[in-house]
Amino acid sequence: MAIDRQNSPYRRGNRYVQLPIPMVTEHCVTVDAGAVQLVVESRQLTNEILEETYHGAVKPEIRFDDFGASLHVCGAADGLEHLRFDCFENEPLYHDLDQRAGANVVVRIDELAVGDPVEFSLACAEHHLPDMLRNCGVADLADQVAGSLDRVRVAVAEVRRQMADARVAREK
């Protein structure tokens, strides 16, 4: 069970009372993984994109210009996104989404400690997905995933190929 550390200097990430920028569906490939869908997106993040979504919430002196492969974990039954791994080239991070509250926690991926953000994200999907989904408040979905981890692992093999393609899509 996750501890509420929002006011601690050692908290896991920063909580925002809003959901992240929605997926751009035409940039996405969906891979069935049983109770969840693993959605791979070639993603870009700029100040202009942030402004379109959040209208003045971003300080203009902070410049965003990043890109990379994103992995969205969505419930297969309802299509709601619960986890997102943004494997950006400069500042990789992941989101724990709380759909009921319309909020999310953004956690920086420390590539010096965990290595390649894509491989870190895939390892999370393969080995920690039920616990991470529970932390997002979707225990029933977490239990369904825990009961069919073989389907998730098969899907991760396909996702790995899709992530490699999405990672370099902006570079072309």
C-alpha atoms as a PDB file:
ATOM      1  CA  MET A   1       0.000   0.000   0.000  1.00  0.00           C
ATOM      2  CA  ALA A   2       1.299   3.432  -0.916  1.00  0.00           C
ATOM      3  CA  ILE A   3       1.974   5.926   1.840  1.00  0.00           C
ATOM      4  CA  ASP A   4       0.672   9.470   1.381  1.00  0.00           C
ATOM      5  CA  ARG A   5       3.905  11.446   1.214  1.00  0.00           C
ATOM      6  CA  GLN A   6       2.561  14.497  -0.622  1.00  0.00           C
ATOM      7  CA  ASN A   7       3.992  16.905   1.956  1.00  0.00           C
ATOM      8  CA  SER A   8       7.250  15.028   2.426  1.00  0.00           C
ATOM      9  CA  PRO A   9      10.483  16.171   0.763  1.00  0.00           C
ATOM     10  CA  TYR A  10      10.948  12.478  -0.091  1.00  0.00           C
ATOM     11  CA  ARG A  11       7.643  11.985  -1.887  1.00  0.00           C
ATOM     12  CA  ARG A  12       7.620   9.698  -4.921  1.00  0.00           C
ATOM     13  CA  GLY A  13       6.423  12.385  -7.330  1.00  0.00           C
ATOM     14  CA  ASN A  14       4.364  15.535  -7.705  1.00  0.00           C
ATOM     15  CA  ARG A  15       0.568  15.379  -7.642  1.00  0.00           C
ATOM     16  CA  TYR A  16      -1.409  17.540 -10.047  1.00  0.00           C
ATOM     17  CA  VAL A  17      -5.151  18.006  -9.806  1.00  0.00           C
ATOM     18  CA  GLN A  18      -5.601  17.424 -13.518  1.00  0.00           C
ATOM     19  CA  LEU A  19      -5.062  14.569 -15.896  1.00  0.00           C
ATOM     20  CA  PRO A  20      -2.122  14.607 -18.313  1.00  0.00           C
ATOM     21  CA  ILE A  21      -2.371  15.714 -21.921  1.00  0.00           C
ATOM     22  CA  PRO A  22      -4.583  13.209 -23.766  1.00  0.00           C
ATOM     23  CA  MET A  23      -3.169  10.708 -26.239  1.00  0.00           C
ATOM     24  CA  VAL A  24      -3.048  11.669 -29.883  1.00  0.00           C
ATOM     25  CA  THR A  25      -4.842   8.594 -31.191  1.00  0.00           C
ATOM     26  CA  GLU A  26      -3.478   8.851 -34.717  1.00  0.00           C
ATOM     27  CA  HIS A  27       0.021   8.437 -33.225  1.00  0.00           C
ATOM     28  CA  CYS A  28      -0.964   5.318 -31.265  1.00  0.00           C
ATOM     29  CA  VAL A  29      -0.742   1.554 -31.718  1.00  0.00           C
ATOM     30  CA  THR A  30      -2.774  -0.628 -29.353  1.00  0.00           C
ATOM     31  CA  VAL A  31      -1.619  -4.050 -28.176  1.00  0.00           C
ATOM     32  CA  ASP A  32      -4.132  -6.298 -26.386  1.00  0.00           C
ATOM     33  CA  ALA A  33      -2.870  -7.596 -23.041  1.00  0.00           C
ATOM     34  CA  GLY A  34      -6.020  -9.171 -21.614  1.00  0.00           C
ATOM     35  CA  ALA A  35      -7.629  -6.945 -18.973  1.00  0.00           C
ATOM     36  CA  VAL A  36      -5.506  -4.017 -20.138  1.00  0.00           C
ATOM     37  CA  GLN A  37      -4.480  -2.528 -23.417  1.00  0.00           C
ATOM     38  CA  LEU A  38      -0.903  -1.365 -23.853  1.00  0.00           C
ATOM     39  CA  VAL A  39      -0.956   1.665 -26.131  1.00  0.00           C
ATOM     40  CA  VAL A  40       2.285   2.872 -27.698  1.00  0.00           C
ATOM     41  CA  GLU A  41       2.491   6.460 -28.859  1.00  0.00           C
ATOM     42  CA  SER A  42       5.163   8.510 -30.556  1.00  0.00           C
ATOM     43  CA  ARG A  43       4.859  11.617 -28.411  1.00  0.00           C
ATOM     44  CA  GLN A  44       6.102  15.191 -28.457  1.00  0.00           C
ATOM     45  CA  LEU A  45       5.932  17.745 -25.631  1.00  0.00           C
ATOM     46  CA  THR A  46       6.381  21.466 -26.273  1.00  0.00           C
ATOM     47  CA  ASN A  47       5.285  24.679 -24.586  1.00  0.00           C
ATOM     48  CA  GLU A  48       2.749  25.167 -27.376  1.00  0.00           C
ATOM     49  CA  ILE A  49       1.183  21.744 -26.756  1.00  0.00           C
ATOM     50  CA  LEU A  50       1.085  22.400 -23.006  1.00  0.00           C
ATOM     51  CA  GLU A  51      -0.513  25.821 -23.547  1.00  0.00           C
ATOM     52  CA  GLU A  52      -3.217  24.318 -25.797  1.00  0.00           C
ATOM     53  CA  THR A  53      -4.142  21.907 -23.011  1.00  0.00           C
ATOM     54  CA  TYR A  54      -3.599  23.871 -19.785  1.00  0.00           C
ATOM     55  CA  HIS A  55      -4.093  27.528 -20.900  1.00  0.00           C
ATOM     56  CA  GLY A  56      -1.556  29.546 -18.926  1.00  0.00           C
ATOM     57  CA  ALA A  57      -0.561  26.950 -16.344  1.00  0.00           C
ATOM     58  CA  VAL A  58       3.030  26.668 -17.621  1.00  0.00           C
ATOM     59  CA  LYS A  59       5.543  29.382 -16.783  1.00  0.00           C
ATOM     60  CA  PRO A  60       6.845  30.839 -20.066  1.00  0.00           C
ATOM     61  CA  GLU A  61      10.453  30.918 -18.819  1.00  0.00           C
ATOM     62  CA  ILE A  62      10.407  27.109 -18.541  1.00  0.00           C
ATOM     63  CA  ARG A  63      10.969  25.638 -22.008  1.00  0.00           C
ATOM     64  CA  PHE A  64       9.620  22.240 -22.967  1.00  0.00           C
ATOM     65  CA  ASP A  65      10.848  20.537 -26.126  1.00  0.00           C
ATOM     66  CA  ASP A  66      11.016  16.791 -25.684  1.00  0.00           C
ATOM     67  CA  PHE A  67       9.927  13.671 -27.517  1.00  0.00           C
ATOM     68  CA  GLY A  68       9.981   9.906 -27.377  1.00  0.00           C
ATOM     69  CA  ALA A  69       7.957   6.758 -26.998  1.00  0.00           C
ATOM     70  CA  SER A  70       5.084   6.664 -24.518  1.00  0.00           C
ATOM     71  CA  LEU A  71       3.407   3.589 -23.105  1.00  0.00           C
ATOM     72  CA  HIS A  72      -0.188   4.053 -21.935  1.00  0.00           C
ATOM     73  CA  VAL A  73      -1.822   1.362 -19.784  1.00  0.00           C
ATOM     74  CA  CYS A  74      -5.590   1.429 -20.223  1.00  0.00           C
ATOM     75  CA  GLY A  75      -8.399  -0.752 -18.963  1.00  0.00           C
ATOM     76  CA  ALA A  76      -9.618  -2.972 -21.803  1.00  0.00           C
ATOM     77  CA  ALA A  77     -13.247  -2.802 -20.660  1.00  0.00           C
ATOM     78  CA  ASP A  78     -13.562   0.977 -20.239  1.00  0.00           C
ATOM     79  CA  GLY A  79     -10.588   2.389 -22.154  1.00  0.00           C
ATOM     80  CA  LEU A  80      -9.540   4.573 -19.211  1.00  0.00           C
ATOM     81  CA  GLU A  81      -5.829   5.277 -18.875  1.00  0.00           C
ATOM     82  CA  HIS A  82      -4.311   4.434 -15.480  1.00  0.00           C
ATOM     83  CA  LEU A  83      -0.550   4.552 -16.081  1.00  0.00           C
ATOM     84  CA  ARG A  84       1.628   6.344 -18.595  1.00  0.00           C
ATOM     85  CA  PHE A  85       5.346   6.015 -19.165  1.00  0.00           C
ATOM     86  CA  ASP A  86       6.748   8.948 -21.150  1.00  0.00           C
ATOM     87  CA  CYS A  87      10.168   7.735 -22.248  1.00  0.00           C
ATOM     88  CA  PHE A  88      11.270  11.166 -23.383  1.00  0.00           C
ATOM     89  CA  GLU A  89      14.799  11.726 -24.603  1.00  0.00           C
ATOM     90  CA  ASN A  90      15.592  14.494 -22.113  1.00  0.00           C
ATOM     91  CA  GLU A  91      13.300  14.075 -19.117  1.00  0.00           C
ATOM     92  CA  PRO A  92      11.634  10.652 -18.922  1.00  0.00           C
ATOM     93  CA  LEU A  93       8.801  10.277 -16.423  1.00  0.00           C
ATOM     94  CA  TYR A  94       5.742   8.256 -15.603  1.00  0.00           C
ATOM     95  CA  HIS A  95       2.236   9.130 -14.457  1.00  0.00           C
ATOM     96  CA  ASP A  96       0.013   7.362 -11.917  1.00  0.00           C
ATOM     97  CA  LEU A  97      -3.455   8.481 -12.977  1.00  0.00           C
ATOM     98  CA  ASP A  98      -6.356   8.764 -10.550  1.00  0.00           C
ATOM     99  CA  GLN A  99      -9.299   8.877 -12.934  1.00  0.00           C
ATOM    100  CA  ARG A 100     -11.909   9.277 -10.161  1.00  0.00           C
ATOM    101  CA  ALA A 101     -10.236  12.429  -8.811  1.00  0.00           C
ATOM    102  CA  GLY A 102      -9.139  13.716 -12.208  1.00  0.00           C
ATOM    103  CA  ALA A 103      -5.552  13.871 -10.924  1.00  0.00           C
ATOM    104  CA  ASN A 104      -2.165  12.314 -11.529  1.00  0.00           C
ATOM    105  CA  VAL A 105       1.212  11.904  -9.879  1.00  0.00           C
ATOM    106  CA  VAL A 106       4.220  12.603 -12.088  1.00  0.00           C
ATOM    107  CA  VAL A 107       7.341  10.627 -11.199  1.00  0.00           C
ATOM    108  CA  ARG A 108      10.694  11.328 -12.832  1.00  0.00           C
ATOM    109  CA  ILE A 109      12.460   8.225 -14.210  1.00  0.00           C
ATOM    110  CA  ASP A 110      16.071   8.390 -13.072  1.00  0.00           C
ATOM    111  CA  GLU A 111      17.855   6.902 -16.078  1.00  0.00           C
ATOM    112  CA  LEU A 112      21.167   7.005 -14.209  1.00  0.00           C
ATOM    113  CA  ALA A 113      19.746   4.651 -11.579  1.00  0.00           C
ATOM    114  CA  VAL A 114      17.466   2.430 -13.691  1.00  0.00           C
ATOM    115  CA  GLY A 115      19.026   2.604 -17.150  1.00  0.00           C
ATOM    116  CA  ASP A 116      17.064   2.951 -20.355  1.00  0.00           C
ATOM    117  CA  PRO A 117      13.587   4.427 -19.672  1.00  0.00           C
ATOM    118  CA  VAL A 118      11.966   2.177 -22.290  1.00  0.00           C
ATOM    119  CA  GLU A 119      13.391  -0.978 -20.699  1.00  0.00           C
ATOM    120  CA  PHE A 120      12.437   0.330 -17.248  1.00  0.00           C
ATOM    121  CA  SER A 121       8.858   0.898 -18.452  1.00  0.00           C
ATOM    122  CA  LEU A 122       8.619  -2.540 -20.034  1.00  0.00           C
ATOM    123  CA  ALA A 123       9.988  -4.156 -16.862  1.00  0.00           C
ATOM    124  CA  CYS A 124       7.325  -2.321 -14.847  1.00  0.00           C
ATOM    125  CA  ALA A 125       4.630  -3.637 -17.187  1.00  0.00           C
ATOM    126  CA  GLU A 126       5.997  -7.186 -17.029  1.00  0.00           C
ATOM    127  CA  HIS A 127       6.768  -7.433 -13.322  1.00  0.00           C
ATOM    128  CA  HIS A 128       4.983  -4.710 -11.349  1.00  0.00           C
ATOM    129  CA  LEU A 129       1.799  -3.862 -13.233  1.00  0.00           C
ATOM    130  CA  PRO A 130      -0.720  -5.207 -10.676  1.00  0.00           C
ATOM    131  CA  ASP A 131       0.916  -3.273  -7.814  1.00  0.00           C
ATOM    132  CA  MET A 132       1.183  -0.116  -9.878  1.00  0.00           C
ATOM    133  CA  LEU A 133      -2.497  -0.360 -10.869  1.00  0.00           C
ATOM    134  CA  ARG A 134      -3.492  -0.852  -7.214  1.00  0.00           C
ATOM    135  CA  ASN A 135      -1.568   2.319  -6.411  1.00  0.00           C
ATOM    136  CA  CYS A 136      -3.748   4.095  -9.019  1.00  0.00           C
ATOM    137  CA  GLY A 137      -6.872   2.985  -7.135  1.00  0.00           C
ATOM    138  CA  VAL A 138      -8.062   0.280  -9.542  1.00  0.00           C
ATOM    139  CA  ALA A 139      -7.745  -2.848  -7.388  1.00  0.00           C
ATOM    140  CA  ASP A 140     -10.261  -4.887  -9.422  1.00  0.00           C
ATOM    141  CA  LEU A 141      -8.327  -4.262 -12.623  1.00  0.00           C
ATOM    142  CA  ALA A 142      -5.066  -5.032 -10.800  1.00  0.00           C
ATOM    143  CA  ASP A 143      -6.497  -8.391  -9.694  1.00  0.00           C
ATOM    144  CA  GLN A 144      -7.565  -9.213 -13.262  1.00  0.00           C
ATOM    145  CA  VAL A 145      -4.084  -8.388 -14.557  1.00  0.00           C
ATOM    146  CA  ALA A 146      -2.447 -10.423 -11.787  1.00  0.00           C
ATOM    147  CA  GLY A 147      -4.530 -13.407 -12.910  1.00  0.00           C
ATOM    148  CA  SER A 148      -3.320 -13.138 -16.506  1.00  0.00           C
ATOM    149  CA  LEU A 149       0.289 -11.960 -16.368  1.00  0.00           C
ATOM    150  CA  ASP A 150       1.196 -14.358 -19.177  1.00  0.00           C
ATOM    151  CA  ARG A 151      -0.951 -12.293 -21.566  1.00  0.00           C
ATOM    152  CA  VAL A 152       0.803  -9.117 -20.419  1.00  0.00           C
ATOM    153  CA  ARG A 153       4.225 -10.661 -20.960  1.00  0.00           C
ATOM    154  CA  VAL A 154       3.323 -11.786 -24.476  1.00  0.00           C
ATOM    155  CA  ALA A 155       2.032  -8.292 -25.242  1.00  0.00           C
ATOM    156  CA  VAL A 156       5.208  -6.678 -23.888  1.00  0.00           C
ATOM    157  CA  ALA A 157       7.246  -8.459 -26.566  1.00  0.00           C
ATOM    158  CA  GLU A 158       5.186  -6.706 -29.255  1.00  0.00           C
ATOM    159  CA  VAL A 159       5.208  -3.425 -27.318  1.00  0.00           C
ATOM    160  CA  ARG A 160       9.022  -3.524 -27.216  1.00  0.00           C
ATOM    161  CA  ARG A 161       9.095  -3.461 -31.037  1.00  0.00           C
ATOM    162  CA  GLN A 162       6.490  -0.710 -31.202  1.00  0.00           C
ATOM    163  CA  MET A 163       8.358   1.388 -28.601  1.00  0.00           C
ATOM    164  CA  ALA A 164      11.554   1.180 -30.663  1.00  0.00           C
ATOM    165  CA  ASP A 165       9.646   2.497 -33.695  1.00  0.00           C
ATOM    166  CA  ALA A 166       7.922   5.261 -31.698  1.00  0.00           C
ATOM    167  CA  ARG A 167      11.180   6.316 -30.076  1.00  0.00           C
ATOM    168  CA  VAL A 168      12.742   7.288 -33.384  1.00  0.00           C
ATOM    169  CA  ALA A 169       9.623   8.558 -35.173  1.00  0.00           C
ATOM    170  CA  ARG A 170      10.388  12.219 -34.430  1.00  0.00           C
ATOM    171  CA  GLU A 171      13.990  11.856 -35.520  1.00  0.00           C
ATOM    172  CA  LYS A 172      12.914  10.982 -39.082  1.00  0.00           C
END
